[in-house]
Amino acid sequence: PVALTRCSARAYGPGDLRFKVYPK
């Protein structure tokens, strides 16, 4: 098991944009 600090929010959107950005 790994502990993560997660910050999140929910919204509604008409578009289909999906992305991930993370450090190299």
PDBML (XML) file of the C-alpha atoms, coordinates in Angstrom:
<?xml version="1.0" encoding="UTF-8" ?>
<PDBx:datablock datablockName="MODEL"
   xmlns:PDBx="http://pdbml.pdb.org/schema/pdbx-v50.xsd"
   xmlns:xsi="http://www.w3.org/2001/XMLSchema-instance"
   xsi:schemaLocation="http://pdbml.pdb.org/schema/pdbx-v50.xsd pdbx-v50.xsd">
   <PDBx:atom_siteCategory>
      <PDBx:atom_site id="1">
         <PDBx:B_iso_or_equiv>0.00</PDBx:B_iso_or_equiv>
         <PDBx:Cartn_x>0.000</PDBx:Cartn_x>
         <PDBx:Cartn_y>0.000</PDBx:Cartn_y>
         <PDBx:Cartn_z>0.000</PDBx:Cartn_z>
         <PDBx:auth_asym_id>A</PDBx:auth_asym_id>
         <PDBx:auth_atom_id>CA</PDBx:auth_atom_id>
         <PDBx:auth_comp_id>PRO</PDBx:auth_comp_id>
         <PDBx:auth_seq_id>1</PDBx:auth_seq_id>
         <PDBx:group_PDB>ATOM</PDBx:group_PDB>
         <PDBx:label_alt_id xsi:nil="true" />
         <PDBx:label_asym_id>A</PDBx:label_asym_id>
         <PDBx:label_atom_id>CA</PDBx:label_atom_id>
         <PDBx:label_comp_id>PRO</PDBx:label_comp_id>
         <PDBx:label_entity_id>1</PDBx:label_entity_id>
         <PDBx:label_seq_id>1</PDBx:label_seq_id>
         <PDBx:occupancy>1.00</PDBx:occupancy>
         <PDBx:pdbx_PDB_model_num>1</PDBx:pdbx_PDB_model_num>
         <PDBx:type_symbol>C</PDBx:type_symbol>
      </PDBx:atom_site>
      <PDBx:atom_site id="2">
         <PDBx:B_iso_or_equiv>0.00</PDBx:B_iso_or_equiv>
         <PDBx:Cartn_x>1.138</PDBx:Cartn_x>
         <PDBx:Cartn_y>3.547</PDBx:Cartn_y>
         <PDBx:Cartn_z>-0.805</PDBx:Cartn_z>
         <PDBx:auth_asym_id>A</PDBx:auth_asym_id>
         <PDBx:auth_atom_id>CA</PDBx:auth_atom_id>
         <PDBx:auth_comp_id>VAL</PDBx:auth_comp_id>
         <PDBx:auth_seq_id>2</PDBx:auth_seq_id>
         <PDBx:group_PDB>ATOM</PDBx:group_PDB>
         <PDBx:label_alt_id xsi:nil="true" />
         <PDBx:label_asym_id>A</PDBx:label_asym_id>
         <PDBx:label_atom_id>CA</PDBx:label_atom_id>
         <PDBx:label_comp_id>VAL</PDBx:label_comp_id>
         <PDBx:label_entity_id>1</PDBx:label_entity_id>
         <PDBx:label_seq_id>2</PDBx:label_seq_id>
         <PDBx:occupancy>1.00</PDBx:occupancy>
         <PDBx:pdbx_PDB_model_num>1</PDBx:pdbx_PDB_model_num>
         <PDBx:type_symbol>C</PDBx:type_symbol>
      </PDBx:atom_site>
      <PDBx:atom_site id="3">
         <PDBx:B_iso_or_equiv>0.00</PDBx:B_iso_or_equiv>
         <PDBx:Cartn_x>-0.123</PDBx:Cartn_x>
         <PDBx:Cartn_y>6.784</PDBx:Cartn_y>
         <PDBx:Cartn_z>0.787</PDBx:Cartn_z>
         <PDBx:auth_asym_id>A</PDBx:auth_asym_id>
         <PDBx:auth_atom_id>CA</PDBx:auth_atom_id>
         <PDBx:auth_comp_id>ALA</PDBx:auth_comp_id>
         <PDBx:auth_seq_id>3</PDBx:auth_seq_id>
         <PDBx:group_PDB>ATOM</PDBx:group_PDB>
         <PDBx:label_alt_id xsi:nil="true" />
         <PDBx:label_asym_id>A</PDBx:label_asym_id>
         <PDBx:label_atom_id>CA</PDBx:label_atom_id>
         <PDBx:label_comp_id>ALA</PDBx:label_comp_id>
         <PDBx:label_entity_id>1</PDBx:label_entity_id>
         <PDBx:label_seq_id>3</PDBx:label_seq_id>
         <PDBx:occupancy>1.00</PDBx:occupancy>
         <PDBx:pdbx_PDB_model_num>1</PDBx:pdbx_PDB_model_num>
         <PDBx:type_symbol>C</PDBx:type_symbol>
      </PDBx:atom_site>
      <PDBx:atom_site id="4">
         <PDBx:B_iso_or_equiv>0.00</PDBx:B_iso_or_equiv>
         <PDBx:Cartn_x>-0.900</PDBx:Cartn_x>
         <PDBx:Cartn_y>9.675</PDBx:Cartn_y>
         <PDBx:Cartn_z>-1.565</PDBx:Cartn_z>
         <PDBx:auth_asym_id>A</PDBx:auth_asym_id>
         <PDBx:auth_atom_id>CA</PDBx:auth_atom_id>
         <PDBx:auth_comp_id>LEU</PDBx:auth_comp_id>
         <PDBx:auth_seq_id>4</PDBx:auth_seq_id>
         <PDBx:group_PDB>ATOM</PDBx:group_PDB>
         <PDBx:label_alt_id xsi:nil="true" />
         <PDBx:label_asym_id>A</PDBx:label_asym_id>
         <PDBx:label_atom_id>CA</PDBx:label_atom_id>
         <PDBx:label_comp_id>LEU</PDBx:label_comp_id>
         <PDBx:label_entity_id>1</PDBx:label_entity_id>
         <PDBx:label_seq_id>4</PDBx:label_seq_id>
         <PDBx:occupancy>1.00</PDBx:occupancy>
         <PDBx:pdbx_PDB_model_num>1</PDBx:pdbx_PDB_model_num>
         <PDBx:type_symbol>C</PDBx:type_symbol>
      </PDBx:atom_site>
      <PDBx:atom_site id="5">
         <PDBx:B_iso_or_equiv>0.00</PDBx:B_iso_or_equiv>
         <PDBx:Cartn_x>-2.024</PDBx:Cartn_x>
         <PDBx:Cartn_y>13.197</PDBx:Cartn_y>
         <PDBx:Cartn_z>-0.846</PDBx:Cartn_z>
         <PDBx:auth_asym_id>A</PDBx:auth_asym_id>
         <PDBx:auth_atom_id>CA</PDBx:auth_atom_id>
         <PDBx:auth_comp_id>THR</PDBx:auth_comp_id>
         <PDBx:auth_seq_id>5</PDBx:auth_seq_id>
         <PDBx:group_PDB>ATOM</PDBx:group_PDB>
         <PDBx:label_alt_id xsi:nil="true" />
         <PDBx:label_asym_id>A</PDBx:label_asym_id>
         <PDBx:label_atom_id>CA</PDBx:label_atom_id>
         <PDBx:label_comp_id>THR</PDBx:label_comp_id>
         <PDBx:label_entity_id>1</PDBx:label_entity_id>
         <PDBx:label_seq_id>5</PDBx:label_seq_id>
         <PDBx:occupancy>1.00</PDBx:occupancy>
         <PDBx:pdbx_PDB_model_num>1</PDBx:pdbx_PDB_model_num>
         <PDBx:type_symbol>C</PDBx:type_symbol>
      </PDBx:atom_site>
      <PDBx:atom_site id="6">
         <PDBx:B_iso_or_equiv>0.00</PDBx:B_iso_or_equiv>
         <PDBx:Cartn_x>-4.830</PDBx:Cartn_x>
         <PDBx:Cartn_y>13.836</PDBx:Cartn_y>
         <PDBx:Cartn_z>-3.303</PDBx:Cartn_z>
         <PDBx:auth_asym_id>A</PDBx:auth_asym_id>
         <PDBx:auth_atom_id>CA</PDBx:auth_atom_id>
         <PDBx:auth_comp_id>ARG</PDBx:auth_comp_id>
         <PDBx:auth_seq_id>6</PDBx:auth_seq_id>
         <PDBx:group_PDB>ATOM</PDBx:group_PDB>
         <PDBx:label_alt_id xsi:nil="true" />
         <PDBx:label_asym_id>A</PDBx:label_asym_id>
         <PDBx:label_atom_id>CA</PDBx:label_atom_id>
         <PDBx:label_comp_id>ARG</PDBx:label_comp_id>
         <PDBx:label_entity_id>1</PDBx:label_entity_id>
         <PDBx:label_seq_id>6</PDBx:label_seq_id>
         <PDBx:occupancy>1.00</PDBx:occupancy>
         <PDBx:pdbx_PDB_model_num>1</PDBx:pdbx_PDB_model_num>
         <PDBx:type_symbol>C</PDBx:type_symbol>
      </PDBx:atom_site>
      <PDBx:atom_site id="7">
         <PDBx:B_iso_or_equiv>0.00</PDBx:B_iso_or_equiv>
         <PDBx:Cartn_x>-6.641</PDBx:Cartn_x>
         <PDBx:Cartn_y>17.073</PDBx:Cartn_y>
         <PDBx:Cartn_z>-4.060</PDBx:Cartn_z>
         <PDBx:auth_asym_id>A</PDBx:auth_asym_id>
         <PDBx:auth_atom_id>CA</PDBx:auth_atom_id>
         <PDBx:auth_comp_id>CYS</PDBx:auth_comp_id>
         <PDBx:auth_seq_id>7</PDBx:auth_seq_id>
         <PDBx:group_PDB>ATOM</PDBx:group_PDB>
         <PDBx:label_alt_id xsi:nil="true" />
         <PDBx:label_asym_id>A</PDBx:label_asym_id>
         <PDBx:label_atom_id>CA</PDBx:label_atom_id>
         <PDBx:label_comp_id>CYS</PDBx:label_comp_id>
         <PDBx:label_entity_id>1</PDBx:label_entity_id>
         <PDBx:label_seq_id>7</PDBx:label_seq_id>
         <PDBx:occupancy>1.00</PDBx:occupancy>
         <PDBx:pdbx_PDB_model_num>1</PDBx:pdbx_PDB_model_num>
         <PDBx:type_symbol>C</PDBx:type_symbol>
      </PDBx:atom_site>
      <PDBx:atom_site id="8">
         <PDBx:B_iso_or_equiv>0.00</PDBx:B_iso_or_equiv>
         <PDBx:Cartn_x>-9.672</PDBx:Cartn_x>
         <PDBx:Cartn_y>16.783</PDBx:Cartn_y>
         <PDBx:Cartn_z>-6.299</PDBx:Cartn_z>
         <PDBx:auth_asym_id>A</PDBx:auth_asym_id>
         <PDBx:auth_atom_id>CA</PDBx:auth_atom_id>
         <PDBx:auth_comp_id>SER</PDBx:auth_comp_id>
         <PDBx:auth_seq_id>8</PDBx:auth_seq_id>
         <PDBx:group_PDB>ATOM</PDBx:group_PDB>
         <PDBx:label_alt_id xsi:nil="true" />
         <PDBx:label_asym_id>A</PDBx:label_asym_id>
         <PDBx:label_atom_id>CA</PDBx:label_atom_id>
         <PDBx:label_comp_id>SER</PDBx:label_comp_id>
         <PDBx:label_entity_id>1</PDBx:label_entity_id>
         <PDBx:label_seq_id>8</PDBx:label_seq_id>
         <PDBx:occupancy>1.00</PDBx:occupancy>
         <PDBx:pdbx_PDB_model_num>1</PDBx:pdbx_PDB_model_num>
         <PDBx:type_symbol>C</PDBx:type_symbol>
      </PDBx:atom_site>
      <PDBx:atom_site id="9">
         <PDBx:B_iso_or_equiv>0.00</PDBx:B_iso_or_equiv>
         <PDBx:Cartn_x>-12.784</PDBx:Cartn_x>
         <PDBx:Cartn_y>18.555</PDBx:Cartn_y>
         <PDBx:Cartn_z>-7.542</PDBx:Cartn_z>
         <PDBx:auth_asym_id>A</PDBx:auth_asym_id>
         <PDBx:auth_atom_id>CA</PDBx:auth_atom_id>
         <PDBx:auth_comp_id>ALA</PDBx:auth_comp_id>
         <PDBx:auth_seq_id>9</PDBx:auth_seq_id>
         <PDBx:group_PDB>ATOM</PDBx:group_PDB>
         <PDBx:label_alt_id xsi:nil="true" />
         <PDBx:label_asym_id>A</PDBx:label_asym_id>
         <PDBx:label_atom_id>CA</PDBx:label_atom_id>
         <PDBx:label_comp_id>ALA</PDBx:label_comp_id>
         <PDBx:label_entity_id>1</PDBx:label_entity_id>
         <PDBx:label_seq_id>9</PDBx:label_seq_id>
         <PDBx:occupancy>1.00</PDBx:occupancy>
         <PDBx:pdbx_PDB_model_num>1</PDBx:pdbx_PDB_model_num>
         <PDBx:type_symbol>C</PDBx:type_symbol>
      </PDBx:atom_site>
      <PDBx:atom_site id="10">
         <PDBx:B_iso_or_equiv>0.00</PDBx:B_iso_or_equiv>
         <PDBx:Cartn_x>-15.748</PDBx:Cartn_x>
         <PDBx:Cartn_y>17.531</PDBx:Cartn_y>
         <PDBx:Cartn_z>-9.629</PDBx:Cartn_z>
         <PDBx:auth_asym_id>A</PDBx:auth_asym_id>
         <PDBx:auth_atom_id>CA</PDBx:auth_atom_id>
         <PDBx:auth_comp_id>ARG</PDBx:auth_comp_id>
         <PDBx:auth_seq_id>10</PDBx:auth_seq_id>
         <PDBx:group_PDB>ATOM</PDBx:group_PDB>
         <PDBx:label_alt_id xsi:nil="true" />
         <PDBx:label_asym_id>A</PDBx:label_asym_id>
         <PDBx:label_atom_id>CA</PDBx:label_atom_id>
         <PDBx:label_comp_id>ARG</PDBx:label_comp_id>
         <PDBx:label_entity_id>1</PDBx:label_entity_id>
         <PDBx:label_seq_id>10</PDBx:label_seq_id>
         <PDBx:occupancy>1.00</PDBx:occupancy>
         <PDBx:pdbx_PDB_model_num>1</PDBx:pdbx_PDB_model_num>
         <PDBx:type_symbol>C</PDBx:type_symbol>
      </PDBx:atom_site>
      <PDBx:atom_site id="11">
         <PDBx:B_iso_or_equiv>0.00</PDBx:B_iso_or_equiv>
         <PDBx:Cartn_x>-17.261</PDBx:Cartn_x>
         <PDBx:Cartn_y>19.550</PDBx:Cartn_y>
         <PDBx:Cartn_z>-12.460</PDBx:Cartn_z>
         <PDBx:auth_asym_id>A</PDBx:auth_asym_id>
         <PDBx:auth_atom_id>CA</PDBx:auth_atom_id>
         <PDBx:auth_comp_id>ALA</PDBx:auth_comp_id>
         <PDBx:auth_seq_id>11</PDBx:auth_seq_id>
         <PDBx:group_PDB>ATOM</PDBx:group_PDB>
         <PDBx:label_alt_id xsi:nil="true" />
         <PDBx:label_asym_id>A</PDBx:label_asym_id>
         <PDBx:label_atom_id>CA</PDBx:label_atom_id>
         <PDBx:label_comp_id>ALA</PDBx:label_comp_id>
         <PDBx:label_entity_id>1</PDBx:label_entity_id>
         <PDBx:label_seq_id>11</PDBx:label_seq_id>
         <PDBx:occupancy>1.00</PDBx:occupancy>
         <PDBx:pdbx_PDB_model_num>1</PDBx:pdbx_PDB_model_num>
         <PDBx:type_symbol>C</PDBx:type_symbol>
      </PDBx:atom_site>
      <PDBx:atom_site id="12">
         <PDBx:B_iso_or_equiv>0.00</PDBx:B_iso_or_equiv>
         <PDBx:Cartn_x>-19.514</PDBx:Cartn_x>
         <PDBx:Cartn_y>19.118</PDBx:Cartn_y>
         <PDBx:Cartn_z>-15.484</PDBx:Cartn_z>
         <PDBx:auth_asym_id>A</PDBx:auth_asym_id>
         <PDBx:auth_atom_id>CA</PDBx:auth_atom_id>
         <PDBx:auth_comp_id>TYR</PDBx:auth_comp_id>
         <PDBx:auth_seq_id>12</PDBx:auth_seq_id>
         <PDBx:group_PDB>ATOM</PDBx:group_PDB>
         <PDBx:label_alt_id xsi:nil="true" />
         <PDBx:label_asym_id>A</PDBx:label_asym_id>
         <PDBx:label_atom_id>CA</PDBx:label_atom_id>
         <PDBx:label_comp_id>TYR</PDBx:label_comp_id>
         <PDBx:label_entity_id>1</PDBx:label_entity_id>
         <PDBx:label_seq_id>12</PDBx:label_seq_id>
         <PDBx:occupancy>1.00</PDBx:occupancy>
         <PDBx:pdbx_PDB_model_num>1</PDBx:pdbx_PDB_model_num>
         <PDBx:type_symbol>C</PDBx:type_symbol>
      </PDBx:atom_site>
      <PDBx:atom_site id="13">
         <PDBx:B_iso_or_equiv>0.00</PDBx:B_iso_or_equiv>
         <PDBx:Cartn_x>-18.135</PDBx:Cartn_x>
         <PDBx:Cartn_y>19.548</PDBx:Cartn_y>
         <PDBx:Cartn_z>-18.951</PDBx:Cartn_z>
         <PDBx:auth_asym_id>A</PDBx:auth_asym_id>
         <PDBx:auth_atom_id>CA</PDBx:auth_atom_id>
         <PDBx:auth_comp_id>GLY</PDBx:auth_comp_id>
         <PDBx:auth_seq_id>13</PDBx:auth_seq_id>
         <PDBx:group_PDB>ATOM</PDBx:group_PDB>
         <PDBx:label_alt_id xsi:nil="true" />
         <PDBx:label_asym_id>A</PDBx:label_asym_id>
         <PDBx:label_atom_id>CA</PDBx:label_atom_id>
         <PDBx:label_comp_id>GLY</PDBx:label_comp_id>
         <PDBx:label_entity_id>1</PDBx:label_entity_id>
         <PDBx:label_seq_id>13</PDBx:label_seq_id>
         <PDBx:occupancy>1.00</PDBx:occupancy>
         <PDBx:pdbx_PDB_model_num>1</PDBx:pdbx_PDB_model_num>
         <PDBx:type_symbol>C</PDBx:type_symbol>
      </PDBx:atom_site>
      <PDBx:atom_site id="14">
         <PDBx:B_iso_or_equiv>0.00</PDBx:B_iso_or_equiv>
         <PDBx:Cartn_x>-19.454</PDBx:Cartn_x>
         <PDBx:Cartn_y>19.351</PDBx:Cartn_y>
         <PDBx:Cartn_z>-22.469</PDBx:Cartn_z>
         <PDBx:auth_asym_id>A</PDBx:auth_asym_id>
         <PDBx:auth_atom_id>CA</PDBx:auth_atom_id>
         <PDBx:auth_comp_id>PRO</PDBx:auth_comp_id>
         <PDBx:auth_seq_id>14</PDBx:auth_seq_id>
         <PDBx:group_PDB>ATOM</PDBx:group_PDB>
         <PDBx:label_alt_id xsi:nil="true" />
         <PDBx:label_asym_id>A</PDBx:label_asym_id>
         <PDBx:label_atom_id>CA</PDBx:label_atom_id>
         <PDBx:label_comp_id>PRO</PDBx:label_comp_id>
         <PDBx:label_entity_id>1</PDBx:label_entity_id>
         <PDBx:label_seq_id>14</PDBx:label_seq_id>
         <PDBx:occupancy>1.00</PDBx:occupancy>
         <PDBx:pdbx_PDB_model_num>1</PDBx:pdbx_PDB_model_num>
         <PDBx:type_symbol>C</PDBx:type_symbol>
      </PDBx:atom_site>
      <PDBx:atom_site id="15">
         <PDBx:B_iso_or_equiv>0.00</PDBx:B_iso_or_equiv>
         <PDBx:Cartn_x>-16.035</PDBx:Cartn_x>
         <PDBx:Cartn_y>18.667</PDBx:Cartn_y>
         <PDBx:Cartn_z>-23.995</PDBx:Cartn_z>
         <PDBx:auth_asym_id>A</PDBx:auth_asym_id>
         <PDBx:auth_atom_id>CA</PDBx:auth_atom_id>
         <PDBx:auth_comp_id>GLY</PDBx:auth_comp_id>
         <PDBx:auth_seq_id>15</PDBx:auth_seq_id>
         <PDBx:group_PDB>ATOM</PDBx:group_PDB>
         <PDBx:label_alt_id xsi:nil="true" />
         <PDBx:label_asym_id>A</PDBx:label_asym_id>
         <PDBx:label_atom_id>CA</PDBx:label_atom_id>
         <PDBx:label_comp_id>GLY</PDBx:label_comp_id>
         <PDBx:label_entity_id>1</PDBx:label_entity_id>
         <PDBx:label_seq_id>15</PDBx:label_seq_id>
         <PDBx:occupancy>1.00</PDBx:occupancy>
         <PDBx:pdbx_PDB_model_num>1</PDBx:pdbx_PDB_model_num>
         <PDBx:type_symbol>C</PDBx:type_symbol>
      </PDBx:atom_site>
      <PDBx:atom_site id="16">
         <PDBx:B_iso_or_equiv>0.00</PDBx:B_iso_or_equiv>
         <PDBx:Cartn_x>-14.083</PDBx:Cartn_x>
         <PDBx:Cartn_y>15.443</PDBx:Cartn_y>
         <PDBx:Cartn_z>-24.184</PDBx:Cartn_z>
         <PDBx:auth_asym_id>A</PDBx:auth_asym_id>
         <PDBx:auth_atom_id>CA</PDBx:auth_atom_id>
         <PDBx:auth_comp_id>ASP</PDBx:auth_comp_id>
         <PDBx:auth_seq_id>16</PDBx:auth_seq_id>
         <PDBx:group_PDB>ATOM</PDBx:group_PDB>
         <PDBx:label_alt_id xsi:nil="true" />
         <PDBx:label_asym_id>A</PDBx:label_asym_id>
         <PDBx:label_atom_id>CA</PDBx:label_atom_id>
         <PDBx:label_comp_id>ASP</PDBx:label_comp_id>
         <PDBx:label_entity_id>1</PDBx:label_entity_id>
         <PDBx:label_seq_id>16</PDBx:label_seq_id>
         <PDBx:occupancy>1.00</PDBx:occupancy>
         <PDBx:pdbx_PDB_model_num>1</PDBx:pdbx_PDB_model_num>
         <PDBx:type_symbol>C</PDBx:type_symbol>
      </PDBx:atom_site>
      <PDBx:atom_site id="17">
         <PDBx:B_iso_or_equiv>0.00</PDBx:B_iso_or_equiv>
         <PDBx:Cartn_x>-10.641</PDBx:Cartn_x>
         <PDBx:Cartn_y>16.770</PDBx:Cartn_y>
         <PDBx:Cartn_z>-23.189</PDBx:Cartn_z>
         <PDBx:auth_asym_id>A</PDBx:auth_asym_id>
         <PDBx:auth_atom_id>CA</PDBx:auth_atom_id>
         <PDBx:auth_comp_id>LEU</PDBx:auth_comp_id>
         <PDBx:auth_seq_id>17</PDBx:auth_seq_id>
         <PDBx:group_PDB>ATOM</PDBx:group_PDB>
         <PDBx:label_alt_id xsi:nil="true" />
         <PDBx:label_asym_id>A</PDBx:label_asym_id>
         <PDBx:label_atom_id>CA</PDBx:label_atom_id>
         <PDBx:label_comp_id>LEU</PDBx:label_comp_id>
         <PDBx:label_entity_id>1</PDBx:label_entity_id>
         <PDBx:label_seq_id>17</PDBx:label_seq_id>
         <PDBx:occupancy>1.00</PDBx:occupancy>
         <PDBx:pdbx_PDB_model_num>1</PDBx:pdbx_PDB_model_num>
         <PDBx:type_symbol>C</PDBx:type_symbol>
      </PDBx:atom_site>
      <PDBx:atom_site id="18">
         <PDBx:B_iso_or_equiv>0.00</PDBx:B_iso_or_equiv>
         <PDBx:Cartn_x>-8.608</PDBx:Cartn_x>
         <PDBx:Cartn_y>14.301</PDBx:Cartn_y>
         <PDBx:Cartn_z>-21.136</PDBx:Cartn_z>
         <PDBx:auth_asym_id>A</PDBx:auth_asym_id>
         <PDBx:auth_atom_id>CA</PDBx:auth_atom_id>
         <PDBx:auth_comp_id>ARG</PDBx:auth_comp_id>
         <PDBx:auth_seq_id>18</PDBx:auth_seq_id>
         <PDBx:group_PDB>ATOM</PDBx:group_PDB>
         <PDBx:label_alt_id xsi:nil="true" />
         <PDBx:label_asym_id>A</PDBx:label_asym_id>
         <PDBx:label_atom_id>CA</PDBx:label_atom_id>
         <PDBx:label_comp_id>ARG</PDBx:label_comp_id>
         <PDBx:label_entity_id>1</PDBx:label_entity_id>
         <PDBx:label_seq_id>18</PDBx:label_seq_id>
         <PDBx:occupancy>1.00</PDBx:occupancy>
         <PDBx:pdbx_PDB_model_num>1</PDBx:pdbx_PDB_model_num>
         <PDBx:type_symbol>C</PDBx:type_symbol>
      </PDBx:atom_site>
      <PDBx:atom_site id="19">
         <PDBx:B_iso_or_equiv>0.00</PDBx:B_iso_or_equiv>
         <PDBx:Cartn_x>-5.030</PDBx:Cartn_x>
         <PDBx:Cartn_y>14.807</PDBx:Cartn_y>
         <PDBx:Cartn_z>-20.014</PDBx:Cartn_z>
         <PDBx:auth_asym_id>A</PDBx:auth_asym_id>
         <PDBx:auth_atom_id>CA</PDBx:auth_atom_id>
         <PDBx:auth_comp_id>PHE</PDBx:auth_comp_id>
         <PDBx:auth_seq_id>19</PDBx:auth_seq_id>
         <PDBx:group_PDB>ATOM</PDBx:group_PDB>
         <PDBx:label_alt_id xsi:nil="true" />
         <PDBx:label_asym_id>A</PDBx:label_asym_id>
         <PDBx:label_atom_id>CA</PDBx:label_atom_id>
         <PDBx:label_comp_id>PHE</PDBx:label_comp_id>
         <PDBx:label_entity_id>1</PDBx:label_entity_id>
         <PDBx:label_seq_id>19</PDBx:label_seq_id>
         <PDBx:occupancy>1.00</PDBx:occupancy>
         <PDBx:pdbx_PDB_model_num>1</PDBx:pdbx_PDB_model_num>
         <PDBx:type_symbol>C</PDBx:type_symbol>
      </PDBx:atom_site>
      <PDBx:atom_site id="20">
         <PDBx:B_iso_or_equiv>0.00</PDBx:B_iso_or_equiv>
         <PDBx:Cartn_x>-2.308</PDBx:Cartn_x>
         <PDBx:Cartn_y>13.726</PDBx:Cartn_y>
         <PDBx:Cartn_z>-17.606</PDBx:Cartn_z>
         <PDBx:auth_asym_id>A</PDBx:auth_asym_id>
         <PDBx:auth_atom_id>CA</PDBx:auth_atom_id>
         <PDBx:auth_comp_id>LYS</PDBx:auth_comp_id>
         <PDBx:auth_seq_id>20</PDBx:auth_seq_id>
         <PDBx:group_PDB>ATOM</PDBx:group_PDB>
         <PDBx:label_alt_id xsi:nil="true" />
         <PDBx:label_asym_id>A</PDBx:label_asym_id>
         <PDBx:label_atom_id>CA</PDBx:label_atom_id>
         <PDBx:label_comp_id>LYS</PDBx:label_comp_id>
         <PDBx:label_entity_id>1</PDBx:label_entity_id>
         <PDBx:label_seq_id>20</PDBx:label_seq_id>
         <PDBx:occupancy>1.00</PDBx:occupancy>
         <PDBx:pdbx_PDB_model_num>1</PDBx:pdbx_PDB_model_num>
         <PDBx:type_symbol>C</PDBx:type_symbol>
      </PDBx:atom_site>
      <PDBx:atom_site id="21">
         <PDBx:B_iso_or_equiv>0.00</PDBx:B_iso_or_equiv>
         <PDBx:Cartn_x>0.715</PDBx:Cartn_x>
         <PDBx:Cartn_y>15.827</PDBx:Cartn_y>
         <PDBx:Cartn_z>-16.691</PDBx:Cartn_z>
         <PDBx:auth_asym_id>A</PDBx:auth_asym_id>
         <PDBx:auth_atom_id>CA</PDBx:auth_atom_id>
         <PDBx:auth_comp_id>VAL</PDBx:auth_comp_id>
         <PDBx:auth_seq_id>21</PDBx:auth_seq_id>
         <PDBx:group_PDB>ATOM</PDBx:group_PDB>
         <PDBx:label_alt_id xsi:nil="true" />
         <PDBx:label_asym_id>A</PDBx:label_asym_id>
         <PDBx:label_atom_id>CA</PDBx:label_atom_id>
         <PDBx:label_comp_id>VAL</PDBx:label_comp_id>
         <PDBx:label_entity_id>1</PDBx:label_entity_id>
         <PDBx:label_seq_id>21</PDBx:label_seq_id>
         <PDBx:occupancy>1.00</PDBx:occupancy>
         <PDBx:pdbx_PDB_model_num>1</PDBx:pdbx_PDB_model_num>
         <PDBx:type_symbol>C</PDBx:type_symbol>
      </PDBx:atom_site>
      <PDBx:atom_site id="22">
         <PDBx:B_iso_or_equiv>0.00</PDBx:B_iso_or_equiv>
         <PDBx:Cartn_x>3.443</PDBx:Cartn_x>
         <PDBx:Cartn_y>14.446</PDBx:Cartn_y>
         <PDBx:Cartn_z>-14.457</PDBx:Cartn_z>
         <PDBx:auth_asym_id>A</PDBx:auth_asym_id>
         <PDBx:auth_atom_id>CA</PDBx:auth_atom_id>
         <PDBx:auth_comp_id>TYR</PDBx:auth_comp_id>
         <PDBx:auth_seq_id>22</PDBx:auth_seq_id>
         <PDBx:group_PDB>ATOM</PDBx:group_PDB>
         <PDBx:label_alt_id xsi:nil="true" />
         <PDBx:label_asym_id>A</PDBx:label_asym_id>
         <PDBx:label_atom_id>CA</PDBx:label_atom_id>
         <PDBx:label_comp_id>TYR</PDBx:label_comp_id>
         <PDBx:label_entity_id>1</PDBx:label_entity_id>
         <PDBx:label_seq_id>22</PDBx:label_seq_id>
         <PDBx:occupancy>1.00</PDBx:occupancy>
         <PDBx:pdbx_PDB_model_num>1</PDBx:pdbx_PDB_model_num>
         <PDBx:type_symbol>C</PDBx:type_symbol>
      </PDBx:atom_site>
      <PDBx:atom_site id="23">
         <PDBx:B_iso_or_equiv>0.00</PDBx:B_iso_or_equiv>
         <PDBx:Cartn_x>7.162</PDBx:Cartn_x>
         <PDBx:Cartn_y>14.993</PDBx:Cartn_y>
         <PDBx:Cartn_z>-13.739</PDBx:Cartn_z>
         <PDBx:auth_asym_id>A</PDBx:auth_asym_id>
         <PDBx:auth_atom_id>CA</PDBx:auth_atom_id>
         <PDBx:auth_comp_id>PRO</PDBx:auth_comp_id>
         <PDBx:auth_seq_id>23</PDBx:auth_seq_id>
         <PDBx:group_PDB>ATOM</PDBx:group_PDB>
         <PDBx:label_alt_id xsi:nil="true" />
         <PDBx:label_asym_id>A</PDBx:label_asym_id>
         <PDBx:label_atom_id>CA</PDBx:label_atom_id>
         <PDBx:label_comp_id>PRO</PDBx:label_comp_id>
         <PDBx:label_entity_id>1</PDBx:label_entity_id>
         <PDBx:label_seq_id>23</PDBx:label_seq_id>
         <PDBx:occupancy>1.00</PDBx:occupancy>
         <PDBx:pdbx_PDB_model_num>1</PDBx:pdbx_PDB_model_num>
         <PDBx:type_symbol>C</PDBx:type_symbol>
      </PDBx:atom_site>
      <PDBx:atom_site id="24">
         <PDBx:B_iso_or_equiv>0.00</PDBx:B_iso_or_equiv>
         <PDBx:Cartn_x>9.788</PDBx:Cartn_x>
         <PDBx:Cartn_y>13.249</PDBx:Cartn_y>
         <PDBx:Cartn_z>-15.821</PDBx:Cartn_z>
         <PDBx:auth_asym_id>A</PDBx:auth_asym_id>
         <PDBx:auth_atom_id>CA</PDBx:auth_atom_id>
         <PDBx:auth_comp_id>LYS</PDBx:auth_comp_id>
         <PDBx:auth_seq_id>24</PDBx:auth_seq_id>
         <PDBx:group_PDB>ATOM</PDBx:group_PDB>
         <PDBx:label_alt_id xsi:nil="true" />
         <PDBx:label_asym_id>A</PDBx:label_asym_id>
         <PDBx:label_atom_id>CA</PDBx:label_atom_id>
         <PDBx:label_comp_id>LYS</PDBx:label_comp_id>
         <PDBx:label_entity_id>1</PDBx:label_entity_id>
         <PDBx:label_seq_id>24</PDBx:label_seq_id>
         <PDBx:occupancy>1.00</PDBx:occupancy>
         <PDBx:pdbx_PDB_model_num>1</PDBx:pdbx_PDB_model_num>
         <PDBx:type_symbol>C</PDBx:type_symbol>
      </PDBx:atom_site>
   </PDBx:atom_siteCategory>
</PDBx:datablock>
